[in-house]
Amino acid sequence: MKHLFELQTLAPCCVAVGHFEGVHRGHLALAEHLAAEAKARGLLSVLVSLYDPDQAALTTESEKAMLFQSSGVDYMVSLEETWLVRAMSPATFAALILQQRLNAQAFVTGEDHAQRYTGLTLIPEPLLCHEGAPITTQRLLDAFDRGDWEAYTAQCGHPYLMEGTIGHGRQLGRTVGMPTANLILPRYKRKPPNGVY
């Protein structure tokens, strides 16, 4: 899968759009469905990941790309959600961004959003449930805020990820026989409650 940070005119494609916060099991199922539908139609498969660098995120764009890598999708396009993008109606976004800029022919979307887009062949994706309720980003955030990592992992199919660089700390762990690694995270990455993990 190729990861792009700018819009490019591609060969005719099938797209899916979302924030993909946490990259939960529903997002992964959507990506796999997108890849299969695109292949069946002779199209490229493109995930458009919307992000706001000023908002705390469960997953960075780099982490999203890593988690979607094995889904079979051809491209992931990380698109900054500027005020202009946020101001677009779904129909305008589909016409200007998906069709004109990306050359989209078909659109895979969750069945709860299928009526918002026009002008493209729509392929609905059923909602995935856990413990009788749809898996949503809000449920992930609730589990995250509670520190309920079992519930988080069950809905995502993977543990909470933190990708960063190792930095120097005060080296206090060494004084008690337990050296630690200090992870420097992107400024917009959500941090779990304080503790040693």
C-alpha atoms as a PDB file:
ATOM      1  CA  MET A   1       0.000   0.000   0.000  1.00  0.00           C
ATOM      2  CA  LYS A   2       1.290   3.452  -0.916  1.00  0.00           C
ATOM      3  CA  HIS A   3       0.759   6.261   1.607  1.00  0.00           C
ATOM      4  CA  LEU A   4       0.249   9.754   0.146  1.00  0.00           C
ATOM      5  CA  PHE A   5      -0.026  13.084   1.954  1.00  0.00           C
ATOM      6  CA  GLU A   6      -1.399  15.009  -1.008  1.00  0.00           C
ATOM      7  CA  LEU A   7      -4.191  14.501  -3.499  1.00  0.00           C
ATOM      8  CA  GLN A   8      -3.151  13.032  -6.826  1.00  0.00           C
ATOM      9  CA  THR A   9      -5.112  12.169  -9.941  1.00  0.00           C
ATOM     10  CA  LEU A  10      -5.070   8.396  -9.990  1.00  0.00           C
ATOM     11  CA  ALA A  11      -6.354   5.745 -12.343  1.00  0.00           C
ATOM     12  CA  PRO A  12     -10.110   5.145 -11.913  1.00  0.00           C
ATOM     13  CA  CYS A  13     -10.637   4.058  -8.321  1.00  0.00           C
ATOM     14  CA  CYS A  14     -13.025   2.920  -5.642  1.00  0.00           C
ATOM     15  CA  VAL A  15     -12.743   4.989  -2.446  1.00  0.00           C
ATOM     16  CA  ALA A  16     -13.663   4.983   1.225  1.00  0.00           C
ATOM     17  CA  VAL A  17     -13.430   8.082   3.423  1.00  0.00           C
ATOM     18  CA  GLY A  18     -13.211   8.472   7.183  1.00  0.00           C
ATOM     19  CA  HIS A  19     -11.233   9.604  10.188  1.00  0.00           C
ATOM     20  CA  PHE A  20     -10.458   5.960  11.017  1.00  0.00           C
ATOM     21  CA  GLU A  21      -9.709   6.883  14.620  1.00  0.00           C
ATOM     22  CA  GLY A  22      -8.289   3.878  16.443  1.00  0.00           C
ATOM     23  CA  VAL A  23      -8.522   1.774  13.250  1.00  0.00           C
ATOM     24  CA  HIS A  24     -11.057  -0.557  14.865  1.00  0.00           C
ATOM     25  CA  ARG A  25     -12.401  -3.848  13.516  1.00  0.00           C
ATOM     26  CA  GLY A  26     -15.151  -2.043  11.593  1.00  0.00           C
ATOM     27  CA  HIS A  27     -12.580   0.124   9.810  1.00  0.00           C
ATOM     28  CA  LEU A  28     -10.471  -2.913   8.941  1.00  0.00           C
ATOM     29  CA  ALA A  29     -13.531  -4.750   7.567  1.00  0.00           C
ATOM     30  CA  LEU A  30     -14.403  -1.647   5.499  1.00  0.00           C
ATOM     31  CA  ALA A  31     -10.870  -1.529   4.050  1.00  0.00           C
ATOM     32  CA  GLU A  32     -10.951  -5.227   3.131  1.00  0.00           C
ATOM     33  CA  HIS A  33     -14.387  -4.781   1.518  1.00  0.00           C
ATOM     34  CA  LEU A  34     -13.059  -1.748  -0.375  1.00  0.00           C
ATOM     35  CA  ALA A  35     -10.088  -3.737  -1.706  1.00  0.00           C
ATOM     36  CA  ALA A  36     -12.337  -6.631  -2.802  1.00  0.00           C
ATOM     37  CA  GLU A  37     -14.943  -4.383  -4.485  1.00  0.00           C
ATOM     38  CA  ALA A  38     -12.268  -2.376  -6.303  1.00  0.00           C
ATOM     39  CA  LYS A  39     -10.557  -5.532  -7.569  1.00  0.00           C
ATOM     40  CA  ALA A  40     -13.866  -6.978  -8.761  1.00  0.00           C
ATOM     41  CA  ARG A  41     -14.559  -3.772 -10.725  1.00  0.00           C
ATOM     42  CA  GLY A  42     -11.045  -3.410 -12.142  1.00  0.00           C
ATOM     43  CA  LEU A  43     -10.392  -0.250 -10.104  1.00  0.00           C
ATOM     44  CA  LEU A  44      -7.706   0.931  -7.707  1.00  0.00           C
ATOM     45  CA  SER A  45      -8.687   0.957  -4.027  1.00  0.00           C
ATOM     46  CA  VAL A  46      -8.107   4.211  -2.137  1.00  0.00           C
ATOM     47  CA  LEU A  47      -8.675   4.994   1.557  1.00  0.00           C
ATOM     48  CA  VAL A  48      -8.968   8.716   2.273  1.00  0.00           C
ATOM     49  CA  SER A  49      -8.028   9.358   5.894  1.00  0.00           C
ATOM     50  CA  LEU A  50      -9.143  12.736   7.226  1.00  0.00           C
ATOM     51  CA  TYR A  51      -7.080  14.187  10.073  1.00  0.00           C
ATOM     52  CA  ASP A  52      -6.742  17.416  12.051  1.00  0.00           C
ATOM     53  CA  PRO A  53      -3.177  17.989  13.338  1.00  0.00           C
ATOM     54  CA  ASP A  54      -4.548  20.267  16.081  1.00  0.00           C
ATOM     55  CA  GLN A  55      -6.843  17.609  17.551  1.00  0.00           C
ATOM     56  CA  ALA A  56      -5.774  14.810  19.873  1.00  0.00           C
ATOM     57  CA  ALA A  57      -5.846  11.511  17.948  1.00  0.00           C
ATOM     58  CA  LEU A  58      -5.966   7.852  18.960  1.00  0.00           C
ATOM     59  CA  THR A  59      -3.921   6.983  15.873  1.00  0.00           C
ATOM     60  CA  THR A  60      -1.423   9.011  13.880  1.00  0.00           C
ATOM     61  CA  GLU A  61      -1.481   8.834  10.097  1.00  0.00           C
ATOM     62  CA  SER A  62       1.661   6.700  10.176  1.00  0.00           C
ATOM     63  CA  GLU A  63       0.006   4.263  12.601  1.00  0.00           C
ATOM     64  CA  LYS A  64      -3.113   4.107  10.419  1.00  0.00           C
ATOM     65  CA  ALA A  65      -0.990   3.236   7.391  1.00  0.00           C
ATOM     66  CA  MET A  66       0.745   0.479   9.345  1.00  0.00           C
ATOM     67  CA  LEU A  67      -2.579  -0.995  10.533  1.00  0.00           C
ATOM     68  CA  PHE A  68      -4.169  -0.868   7.053  1.00  0.00           C
ATOM     69  CA  GLN A  69      -1.064  -2.286   5.342  1.00  0.00           C
ATOM     70  CA  SER A  70      -2.366  -5.864   5.169  1.00  0.00           C
ATOM     71  CA  SER A  71      -5.942  -4.929   4.112  1.00  0.00           C
ATOM     72  CA  GLY A  72      -5.194  -5.198   0.380  1.00  0.00           C
ATOM     73  CA  VAL A  73      -5.852  -1.480  -0.259  1.00  0.00           C
ATOM     74  CA  ASP A  74      -3.672   0.115  -2.973  1.00  0.00           C
ATOM     75  CA  TYR A  75      -3.432   3.679  -1.593  1.00  0.00           C
ATOM     76  CA  MET A  76      -4.067   5.538   1.639  1.00  0.00           C
ATOM     77  CA  VAL A  77      -4.323   9.305   1.185  1.00  0.00           C
ATOM     78  CA  SER A  78      -3.959  11.352   4.377  1.00  0.00           C
ATOM     79  CA  LEU A  79      -5.995  14.525   3.827  1.00  0.00           C
ATOM     80  CA  GLU A  80      -5.758  17.356   6.341  1.00  0.00           C
ATOM     81  CA  GLU A  81      -9.240  18.382   7.400  1.00  0.00           C
ATOM     82  CA  THR A  82      -8.854  22.121   6.866  1.00  0.00           C
ATOM     83  CA  TRP A  83     -11.711  24.580   7.416  1.00  0.00           C
ATOM     84  CA  LEU A  84     -12.376  24.402   3.681  1.00  0.00           C
ATOM     85  CA  VAL A  85     -12.744  20.613   3.739  1.00  0.00           C
ATOM     86  CA  ARG A  86     -14.976  20.789   6.831  1.00  0.00           C
ATOM     87  CA  ALA A  87     -17.184  23.405   5.145  1.00  0.00           C
ATOM     88  CA  MET A  88     -17.942  21.146   2.163  1.00  0.00           C
ATOM     89  CA  SER A  89     -21.209  19.273   2.022  1.00  0.00           C
ATOM     90  CA  PRO A  90     -20.851  15.514   1.388  1.00  0.00           C
ATOM     91  CA  ALA A  91     -22.040  16.050  -2.206  1.00  0.00           C
ATOM     92  CA  THR A  92     -19.468  18.815  -2.824  1.00  0.00           C
ATOM     93  CA  PHE A  93     -16.700  16.760  -1.217  1.00  0.00           C
ATOM     94  CA  ALA A  94     -17.614  13.801  -3.433  1.00  0.00           C
ATOM     95  CA  ALA A  95     -17.638  15.932  -6.595  1.00  0.00           C
ATOM     96  CA  LEU A  96     -14.544  18.088  -5.982  1.00  0.00           C
ATOM     97  CA  ILE A  97     -12.259  15.795  -4.006  1.00  0.00           C
ATOM     98  CA  LEU A  98     -13.281  12.231  -4.784  1.00  0.00           C
ATOM     99  CA  GLN A  99     -14.376  12.495  -8.414  1.00  0.00           C
ATOM    100  CA  GLN A 100     -12.380  15.435  -9.827  1.00  0.00           C
ATOM    101  CA  ARG A 101      -9.143  15.052  -7.864  1.00  0.00           C
ATOM    102  CA  LEU A 102      -8.936  11.280  -7.221  1.00  0.00           C
ATOM    103  CA  ASN A 103     -10.909   9.980 -10.225  1.00  0.00           C
ATOM    104  CA  ALA A 104     -13.280   7.980  -8.002  1.00  0.00           C
ATOM    105  CA  GLN A 105     -15.937   5.856  -9.700  1.00  0.00           C
ATOM    106  CA  ALA A 106     -17.384   4.010  -6.709  1.00  0.00           C
ATOM    107  CA  PHE A 107     -17.614   4.640  -2.968  1.00  0.00           C
ATOM    108  CA  VAL A 108     -17.653   2.150  -0.103  1.00  0.00           C
ATOM    109  CA  THR A 109     -19.175   3.594   3.068  1.00  0.00           C
ATOM    110  CA  GLY A 110     -20.764   2.485   6.305  1.00  0.00           C
ATOM    111  CA  GLU A 111     -24.465   1.826   5.861  1.00  0.00           C
ATOM    112  CA  ASP A 112     -25.222   4.660   8.306  1.00  0.00           C
ATOM    113  CA  HIS A 113     -23.625   7.196   5.898  1.00  0.00           C
ATOM    114  CA  ALA A 114     -24.713   5.741   2.556  1.00  0.00           C
ATOM    115  CA  GLN A 115     -27.353   8.425   1.854  1.00  0.00           C
ATOM    116  CA  ARG A 116     -24.966  11.370   2.328  1.00  0.00           C
ATOM    117  CA  TYR A 117     -23.069  11.028  -0.962  1.00  0.00           C
ATOM    118  CA  THR A 118     -24.305  11.436  -4.525  1.00  0.00           C
ATOM    119  CA  GLY A 119     -22.807  11.032  -7.975  1.00  0.00           C
ATOM    120  CA  LEU A 120     -20.903   7.814  -7.235  1.00  0.00           C
ATOM    121  CA  THR A 121     -21.838   4.154  -7.226  1.00  0.00           C
ATOM    122  CA  LEU A 122     -22.445   3.539  -3.520  1.00  0.00           C
ATOM    123  CA  ILE A 123     -21.480   0.251  -1.874  1.00  0.00           C
ATOM    124  CA  PRO A 124     -22.742   0.087   1.729  1.00  0.00           C
ATOM    125  CA  GLU A 125     -20.724  -1.683   4.424  1.00  0.00           C
ATOM    126  CA  PRO A 126     -22.715  -3.145   7.351  1.00  0.00           C
ATOM    127  CA  LEU A 127     -21.823  -1.933  10.832  1.00  0.00           C
ATOM    128  CA  LEU A 128     -19.719  -4.324  12.891  1.00  0.00           C
ATOM    129  CA  CYS A 129     -20.943  -4.948  16.444  1.00  0.00           C
ATOM    130  CA  HIS A 130     -19.305  -5.888  19.731  1.00  0.00           C
ATOM    131  CA  GLU A 131     -21.360  -6.989  22.735  1.00  0.00           C
ATOM    132  CA  GLY A 132     -24.596  -6.084  20.958  1.00  0.00           C
ATOM    133  CA  ALA A 133     -23.696  -2.517  19.932  1.00  0.00           C
ATOM    134  CA  PRO A 134     -21.933  -1.056  16.885  1.00  0.00           C
ATOM    135  CA  ILE A 135     -18.194  -0.496  17.241  1.00  0.00           C
ATOM    136  CA  THR A 136     -17.663   3.256  17.087  1.00  0.00           C
ATOM    137  CA  THR A 137     -14.871   5.700  17.754  1.00  0.00           C
ATOM    138  CA  GLN A 138     -16.869   7.031  20.725  1.00  0.00           C
ATOM    139  CA  ARG A 139     -16.876   3.581  22.318  1.00  0.00           C
ATOM    140  CA  LEU A 140     -13.105   3.398  21.799  1.00  0.00           C
ATOM    141  CA  LEU A 141     -12.658   6.820  23.393  1.00  0.00           C
ATOM    142  CA  ASP A 142     -14.788   5.778  26.364  1.00  0.00           C
ATOM    143  CA  ALA A 143     -12.685   2.630  26.860  1.00  0.00           C
ATOM    144  CA  PHE A 144      -9.506   4.692  26.442  1.00  0.00           C
ATOM    145  CA  ASP A 145     -10.574   7.276  29.036  1.00  0.00           C
ATOM    146  CA  ARG A 146     -11.475   4.503  31.504  1.00  0.00           C
ATOM    147  CA  GLY A 147      -8.155   2.780  30.885  1.00  0.00           C
ATOM    148  CA  ASP A 148     -10.140  -0.333  29.905  1.00  0.00           C
ATOM    149  CA  TRP A 149      -7.549  -1.831  27.574  1.00  0.00           C
ATOM    150  CA  GLU A 150      -9.378  -5.175  27.302  1.00  0.00           C
ATOM    151  CA  ALA A 151     -12.486  -3.455  25.866  1.00  0.00           C
ATOM    152  CA  TYR A 152     -10.310  -1.279  23.620  1.00  0.00           C
ATOM    153  CA  THR A 153      -8.389  -4.267  22.250  1.00  0.00           C
ATOM    154  CA  ALA A 154     -11.549  -6.357  21.785  1.00  0.00           C
ATOM    155  CA  GLN A 155     -13.102  -3.655  19.584  1.00  0.00           C
ATOM    156  CA  CYS A 156      -9.924  -2.875  17.645  1.00  0.00           C
ATOM    157  CA  GLY A 157      -8.472  -6.346  17.259  1.00  0.00           C
ATOM    158  CA  HIS A 158      -5.111  -4.869  18.303  1.00  0.00           C
ATOM    159  CA  PRO A 159      -3.745  -3.106  21.399  1.00  0.00           C
ATOM    160  CA  TYR A 160      -3.424   0.662  21.694  1.00  0.00           C
ATOM    161  CA  LEU A 161      -0.379   1.762  19.703  1.00  0.00           C
ATOM    162  CA  MET A 162       2.117   4.491  20.484  1.00  0.00           C
ATOM    163  CA  GLU A 163       4.729   5.102  17.804  1.00  0.00           C
ATOM    164  CA  GLY A 164       7.464   7.600  18.587  1.00  0.00           C
ATOM    165  CA  THR A 165      11.167   8.068  19.116  1.00  0.00           C
ATOM    166  CA  ILE A 166      13.167   7.132  22.207  1.00  0.00           C
ATOM    167  CA  GLY A 167      14.419  10.162  24.143  1.00  0.00           C
ATOM    168  CA  HIS A 168      16.485  10.781  27.256  1.00  0.00           C
ATOM    169  CA  GLY A 169      14.727  11.174  30.576  1.00  0.00           C
ATOM    170  CA  ARG A 170      16.002  11.651  34.108  1.00  0.00           C
ATOM    171  CA  GLN A 171      17.200   8.013  34.244  1.00  0.00           C
ATOM    172  CA  LEU A 172      15.378   7.423  37.539  1.00  0.00           C
ATOM    173  CA  GLY A 173      14.434   3.855  36.573  1.00  0.00           C
ATOM    174  CA  ARG A 174      18.059   2.848  36.773  1.00  0.00           C
ATOM    175  CA  THR A 175      18.234   3.896  40.414  1.00  0.00           C
ATOM    176  CA  VAL A 176      15.648   1.251  41.368  1.00  0.00           C
ATOM    177  CA  GLY A 177      16.921  -1.464  39.023  1.00  0.00           C
ATOM    178  CA  MET A 178      14.214  -0.929  36.401  1.00  0.00           C
ATOM    179  CA  PRO A 179      15.517   0.982  33.359  1.00  0.00           C
ATOM    180  CA  THR A 180      12.739   2.439  31.241  1.00  0.00           C
ATOM    181  CA  ALA A 181      12.421   3.839  27.717  1.00  0.00           C
ATOM    182  CA  ASN A 182      11.064   7.360  27.313  1.00  0.00           C
ATOM    183  CA  LEU A 183       8.864   7.611  24.234  1.00  0.00           C
ATOM    184  CA  ILE A 184       8.573  11.013  22.566  1.00  0.00           C
ATOM    185  CA  LEU A 185       5.189  11.129  20.827  1.00  0.00           C
ATOM    186  CA  PRO A 186       3.749  13.498  18.213  1.00  0.00           C
ATOM    187  CA  ARG A 187       2.108  16.465  19.939  1.00  0.00           C
ATOM    188  CA  TYR A 188      -1.393  15.477  18.813  1.00  0.00           C
ATOM    189  CA  LYS A 189      -1.202  11.834  19.951  1.00  0.00           C
ATOM    190  CA  ARG A 190      -3.608  10.911  22.766  1.00  0.00           C
ATOM    191  CA  LYS A 191      -1.712   9.747  25.817  1.00  0.00           C
ATOM    192  CA  PRO A 192      -3.090   7.079  28.153  1.00  0.00           C
ATOM    193  CA  PRO A 193      -3.391   7.842  31.882  1.00  0.00           C
ATOM    194  CA  ASN A 194      -0.055   8.296  33.623  1.00  0.00           C
ATOM    195  CA  GLY A 195       1.680   5.081  34.551  1.00  0.00           C
ATOM    196  CA  VAL A 196       4.334   2.596  33.594  1.00  0.00           C
ATOM    197  CA  TYR A 197       3.250   0.356  30.722  1.00  0.00           C
END
